[in-house]
Every structure is written in structure tokens, then in C-alpha cells.
């Protein structure tokens, strides 16, 4: 029955389940936009640092710089960091001391984003299930019971 199929003039046809579900889902917040808008400057910086440090260009550039440093200070005319390369060791330790916590901050933020996405997905699935009259997941046997029963069936 469409919006124009009404028995009484001026009466609006009842919504179909699909149109109600899609309308309700569109009303739900866009979790990704909300989460991205709520990020602080520190969180954005941590994400950029983690993306940079975890890339092949960074690894290649850092490897070239390390080989160049060692070559310059081994065979170069003006050696400023003779073996055992104490200054190089200090610089790499400094880089690791800051990069590690910044990457962990980015991972923690990513985990929070994943939790928000999972909560949103669950909310949408419950809404769809309610409109389509599908039983709630609580009415279904737990996954561990299903896995155990499959193992014993073999």
C-alpha cells in the first residue's frame, strides 16, 4: 500500500516496516562524525604520528639516515660521533621514548572508536530486529553452546 492508496480522502497511508526502519536508522547519530568531531588536537597529532611511524616510507627513510650516519662517522673526514655511536644511540632512545607512548595513545583512541562503532552497530541491529520482528539475540543460544555442540557432533 503506497502513500496515495488511502480509503479516506486526506488520510495518510500507514508506513511500511521498511520505510519506518530506514527512517529510524537515518535519525540515529552518525557515530564516526561525532567521534571525529570530538577529537582533541593531541589525539589528532597522536593519530598522525602513529600513521607516519607505522609506514614503509618512514622505515626506509630512517634506515637510509642510519646507514648514512654510520658511514659518515666510520669513514668520513669529520667524524662527530665515533663508534660506538653514542649520540646516535641517544637520538634513537629519545625517538623511542616519545614515539611509544604517542602510538599507545593513538591505539587507545582507536579502541574507543571501535567500541563506539560496535555500540552503534548493535543499536541499529536491535532497531532492525524490532521492526522485522526477529527475536533478540538474548533469545538465541550463546555462541559457546553452539560451538560446543558442533565439536561434540564430530
C-alpha atoms as a PDB file:
ATOM      1  CA  UNK A   1       0.000   0.000   0.000  1.00  0.00           C
ATOM      2  CA  UNK A   2       1.590   3.283  -1.088  1.00  0.00           C
ATOM      3  CA  UNK A   3       1.177   6.783   0.273  1.00  0.00           C
ATOM      4  CA  UNK A   4      -1.502   7.539  -2.357  1.00  0.00           C
ATOM      5  CA  UNK A   5      -3.538   4.355  -1.663  1.00  0.00           C
ATOM      6  CA  UNK A   6      -5.906   5.598   1.049  1.00  0.00           C
ATOM      7  CA  UNK A   7      -9.529   4.668   1.543  1.00  0.00           C
ATOM      8  CA  UNK A   8     -10.416   8.007   3.125  1.00  0.00           C
ATOM      9  CA  UNK A   9      -9.520  11.293   1.396  1.00  0.00           C
ATOM     10  CA  UNK A  10      -6.852  13.215   3.328  1.00  0.00           C
ATOM     11  CA  UNK A  11      -5.822  10.132   5.353  1.00  0.00           C
ATOM     12  CA  UNK A  12      -2.140   9.236   5.200  1.00  0.00           C
ATOM     13  CA  UNK A  13      -1.368   5.618   4.465  1.00  0.00           C
ATOM     14  CA  UNK A  14       0.391   3.696   7.231  1.00  0.00           C
ATOM     15  CA  UNK A  15       4.156   3.389   6.888  1.00  0.00           C
ATOM     16  CA  UNK A  16       5.611   0.106   5.819  1.00  0.00           C
ATOM     17  CA  UNK A  17       8.079  -1.655   8.088  1.00  0.00           C
ATOM     18  CA  UNK A  18      10.933  -0.976   5.687  1.00  0.00           C
ATOM     19  CA  UNK A  19      10.227   2.761   5.453  1.00  0.00           C
ATOM     20  CA  UNK A  20       9.935   3.054   9.276  1.00  0.00           C
ATOM     21  CA  UNK A  21      13.179   1.161   9.764  1.00  0.00           C
ATOM     22  CA  UNK A  22      15.099   3.237   7.229  1.00  0.00           C
ATOM     23  CA  UNK A  23      13.670   6.487   8.681  1.00  0.00           C
ATOM     24  CA  UNK A  24      14.642   5.469  12.230  1.00  0.00           C
ATOM     25  CA  UNK A  25      18.131   4.417  11.160  1.00  0.00           C
ATOM     26  CA  UNK A  26      18.674   7.753   9.377  1.00  0.00           C
ATOM     27  CA  UNK A  27      17.658   9.545  12.590  1.00  0.00           C
ATOM     28  CA  UNK A  28      20.403   7.741  14.504  1.00  0.00           C
ATOM     29  CA  UNK A  29      23.576   9.673  15.054  1.00  0.00           C
ATOM     30  CA  UNK A  30      26.498   9.224  12.713  1.00  0.00           C
ATOM     31  CA  UNK A  31      28.945   7.774  15.239  1.00  0.00           C
ATOM     32  CA  UNK A  32      32.007   8.355  13.065  1.00  0.00           C
ATOM     33  CA  UNK A  33      31.335  12.072  12.556  1.00  0.00           C
ATOM     34  CA  UNK A  34      30.587  12.518  16.267  1.00  0.00           C
ATOM     35  CA  UNK A  35      33.732  10.694  17.281  1.00  0.00           C
ATOM     36  CA  UNK A  36      35.930  12.574  14.781  1.00  0.00           C
ATOM     37  CA  UNK A  37      34.489  15.934  15.843  1.00  0.00           C
ATOM     38  CA  UNK A  38      35.228  15.209  19.496  1.00  0.00           C
ATOM     39  CA  UNK A  39      38.938  14.510  18.991  1.00  0.00           C
ATOM     40  CA  UNK A  40      41.392  16.843  20.681  1.00  0.00           C
ATOM     41  CA  UNK A  41      44.478  18.296  18.997  1.00  0.00           C
ATOM     42  CA  UNK A  42      46.589  15.790  20.945  1.00  0.00           C
ATOM     43  CA  UNK A  43      44.525  12.867  19.656  1.00  0.00           C
ATOM     44  CA  UNK A  44      44.778  14.101  16.068  1.00  0.00           C
ATOM     45  CA  UNK A  45      48.547  14.522  16.481  1.00  0.00           C
ATOM     46  CA  UNK A  46      48.892  11.049  18.001  1.00  0.00           C
ATOM     47  CA  UNK A  47      46.990   9.563  15.046  1.00  0.00           C
ATOM     48  CA  UNK A  48      49.222  11.378  12.547  1.00  0.00           C
ATOM     49  CA  UNK A  49      52.420  10.299  14.343  1.00  0.00           C
ATOM     50  CA  UNK A  50      51.232   6.669  14.552  1.00  0.00           C
ATOM     51  CA  UNK A  51      50.305   6.692  10.857  1.00  0.00           C
ATOM     52  CA  UNK A  52      53.691   8.139   9.923  1.00  0.00           C
ATOM     53  CA  UNK A  53      55.831   5.904  12.140  1.00  0.00           C
ATOM     54  CA  UNK A  54      53.927   2.828  11.023  1.00  0.00           C
ATOM     55  CA  UNK A  55      54.586   3.370   7.327  1.00  0.00           C
ATOM     56  CA  UNK A  56      57.126   1.948   4.899  1.00  0.00           C
ATOM     57  CA  UNK A  57      58.367   5.374   3.787  1.00  0.00           C
ATOM     58  CA  UNK A  58      59.291   6.157   7.406  1.00  0.00           C
ATOM     59  CA  UNK A  59      61.160   2.865   7.797  1.00  0.00           C
ATOM     60  CA  UNK A  60      63.040   3.338   4.521  1.00  0.00           C
ATOM     61  CA  UNK A  61      63.971   6.970   5.269  1.00  0.00           C
ATOM     62  CA  UNK A  62      65.067   6.127   8.801  1.00  0.00           C
ATOM     63  CA  UNK A  63      67.141   3.187   7.545  1.00  0.00           C
ATOM     64  CA  UNK A  64      68.860   5.373   4.942  1.00  0.00           C
ATOM     65  CA  UNK A  65      69.613   8.022   7.591  1.00  0.00           C
ATOM     66  CA  UNK A  66      71.036   5.422   9.987  1.00  0.00           C
ATOM     67  CA  UNK A  67      73.254   3.871   7.311  1.00  0.00           C
ATOM     68  CA  UNK A  68      74.382   7.370   6.259  1.00  0.00           C
ATOM     69  CA  UNK A  69      75.128   8.341   9.882  1.00  0.00           C
ATOM     70  CA  UNK A  70      77.177   5.206  10.462  1.00  0.00           C
ATOM     71  CA  UNK A  71      79.018   5.543   7.130  1.00  0.00           C
ATOM     72  CA  UNK A  72      79.799   9.246   7.709  1.00  0.00           C
ATOM     73  CA  UNK A  73      81.100   8.569  11.204  1.00  0.00           C
ATOM     74  CA  UNK A  74      83.083   5.495  10.188  1.00  0.00           C
ATOM     75  CA  UNK A  75      84.869   6.624   7.014  1.00  0.00           C
ATOM     76  CA  UNK A  76      84.098  10.351   6.860  1.00  0.00           C
ATOM     77  CA  UNK A  77      86.697  13.094   7.205  1.00  0.00           C
ATOM     78  CA  UNK A  78      84.935  14.912  10.070  1.00  0.00           C
ATOM     79  CA  UNK A  79      83.554  12.344  12.484  1.00  0.00           C
ATOM     80  CA  UNK A  80      81.282  13.842  15.107  1.00  0.00           C
ATOM     81  CA  UNK A  81      80.018  10.533  16.598  1.00  0.00           C
ATOM     82  CA  UNK A  82      82.750   7.931  16.575  1.00  0.00           C
ATOM     83  CA  UNK A  83      81.920   4.256  17.198  1.00  0.00           C
ATOM     84  CA  UNK A  84      80.115   3.083  19.365  1.00  0.00           C
ATOM     85  CA  UNK A  85      77.871   5.941  18.113  1.00  0.00           C
ATOM     86  CA  UNK A  86      76.748   7.259  21.483  1.00  0.00           C
ATOM     87  CA  UNK A  87      74.982  10.315  20.004  1.00  0.00           C
ATOM     88  CA  UNK A  88      73.086   8.101  17.545  1.00  0.00           C
ATOM     89  CA  UNK A  89      72.062   5.828  20.421  1.00  0.00           C
ATOM     90  CA  UNK A  90      70.868   8.866  22.402  1.00  0.00           C
ATOM     91  CA  UNK A  91      68.810  10.161  19.459  1.00  0.00           C
ATOM     92  CA  UNK A  92      67.192   6.765  18.831  1.00  0.00           C
ATOM     93  CA  UNK A  93      66.406   6.376  22.544  1.00  0.00           C
ATOM     94  CA  UNK A  94      64.833   9.839  22.552  1.00  0.00           C
ATOM     95  CA  UNK A  95      62.740   8.948  19.497  1.00  0.00           C
ATOM     96  CA  UNK A  96      61.568   5.661  21.078  1.00  0.00           C
ATOM     97  CA  UNK A  97      60.786   7.349  24.412  1.00  0.00           C
ATOM     98  CA  UNK A  98      58.294   9.676  22.716  1.00  0.00           C
ATOM     99  CA  UNK A  99      57.049   7.523  19.859  1.00  0.00           C
ATOM    100  CA  UNK A 100      55.986   4.572  22.047  1.00  0.00           C
ATOM    101  CA  UNK A 101      53.557   6.486  24.293  1.00  0.00           C
ATOM    102  CA  UNK A 102      52.185   8.513  21.374  1.00  0.00           C
ATOM    103  CA  UNK A 103      51.429   5.320  19.421  1.00  0.00           C
ATOM    104  CA  UNK A 104      49.765   3.854  22.542  1.00  0.00           C
ATOM    105  CA  UNK A 105      47.570   6.982  22.826  1.00  0.00           C
ATOM    106  CA  UNK A 106      46.515   6.528  19.216  1.00  0.00           C
ATOM    107  CA  UNK A 107      45.735   2.844  19.807  1.00  0.00           C
ATOM    108  CA  UNK A 108      43.666   3.682  22.888  1.00  0.00           C
ATOM    109  CA  UNK A 109      41.695   6.244  20.902  1.00  0.00           C
ATOM    110  CA  UNK A 110      41.197   3.723  18.115  1.00  0.00           C
ATOM    111  CA  UNK A 111      39.899   1.189  20.662  1.00  0.00           C
ATOM    112  CA  UNK A 112      37.426   3.792  21.968  1.00  0.00           C
ATOM    113  CA  UNK A 113      36.319   4.462  18.389  1.00  0.00           C
ATOM    114  CA  UNK A 114      35.839   0.727  17.800  1.00  0.00           C
ATOM    115  CA  UNK A 115      33.710   0.463  20.970  1.00  0.00           C
ATOM    116  CA  UNK A 116      31.550   3.382  19.804  1.00  0.00           C
ATOM    117  CA  UNK A 117      31.127   1.752  16.392  1.00  0.00           C
ATOM    118  CA  UNK A 118      30.188  -1.593  17.959  1.00  0.00           C
ATOM    119  CA  UNK A 119      27.623   0.096  20.226  1.00  0.00           C
ATOM    120  CA  UNK A 120      26.136   1.936  17.233  1.00  0.00           C
ATOM    121  CA  UNK A 121      26.026  -1.247  15.136  1.00  0.00           C
ATOM    122  CA  UNK A 122      24.307  -3.082  17.986  1.00  0.00           C
ATOM    123  CA  UNK A 123      21.767  -0.274  18.305  1.00  0.00           C
ATOM    124  CA  UNK A 124      20.982  -0.384  14.579  1.00  0.00           C
ATOM    125  CA  UNK A 125      20.709  -4.191  14.578  1.00  0.00           C
ATOM    126  CA  UNK A 126      18.298  -4.115  17.520  1.00  0.00           C
ATOM    127  CA  UNK A 127      16.199  -1.493  15.736  1.00  0.00           C
ATOM    128  CA  UNK A 128      16.061  -3.563  12.543  1.00  0.00           C
ATOM    129  CA  UNK A 129      15.289  -6.724  14.514  1.00  0.00           C
ATOM    130  CA  UNK A 130      12.437  -4.969  16.329  1.00  0.00           C
ATOM    131  CA  UNK A 131      10.911  -3.721  13.067  1.00  0.00           C
ATOM    132  CA  UNK A 132      11.290  -7.082  11.358  1.00  0.00           C
ATOM    133  CA  UNK A 133      10.134  -8.934  14.482  1.00  0.00           C
ATOM    134  CA  UNK A 134      13.309 -11.016  14.701  1.00  0.00           C
ATOM    135  CA  UNK A 135      13.943 -12.447  18.184  1.00  0.00           C
ATOM    136  CA  UNK A 136      16.515 -10.614  20.283  1.00  0.00           C
ATOM    137  CA  UNK A 137      19.977 -12.191  20.440  1.00  0.00           C
ATOM    138  CA  UNK A 138      19.303 -12.982  24.123  1.00  0.00           C
ATOM    139  CA  UNK A 139      16.600 -15.444  22.971  1.00  0.00           C
ATOM    140  CA  UNK A 140      19.183 -17.357  20.945  1.00  0.00           C
ATOM    141  CA  UNK A 141      21.595 -19.878  22.476  1.00  0.00           C
ATOM    142  CA  UNK A 142      25.004 -18.416  23.357  1.00  0.00           C
ATOM    143  CA  UNK A 143      27.726 -18.883  20.748  1.00  0.00           C
ATOM    144  CA  UNK A 144      29.777 -21.014  23.169  1.00  0.00           C
ATOM    145  CA  UNK A 145      26.926 -23.553  23.430  1.00  0.00           C
ATOM    146  CA  UNK A 146      26.635 -23.744  19.657  1.00  0.00           C
ATOM    147  CA  UNK A 147      30.404 -24.218  19.290  1.00  0.00           C
ATOM    148  CA  UNK A 148      30.470 -26.980  21.943  1.00  0.00           C
ATOM    149  CA  UNK A 149      27.554 -28.790  20.331  1.00  0.00           C
ATOM    150  CA  UNK A 150      29.325 -28.674  16.939  1.00  0.00           C
ATOM    151  CA  UNK A 151      32.519 -30.079  18.474  1.00  0.00           C
ATOM    152  CA  UNK A 152      30.662 -32.983  20.094  1.00  0.00           C
ATOM    153  CA  UNK A 153      28.801 -33.733  16.867  1.00  0.00           C
ATOM    154  CA  UNK A 154      32.071 -34.557  15.043  1.00  0.00           C
END
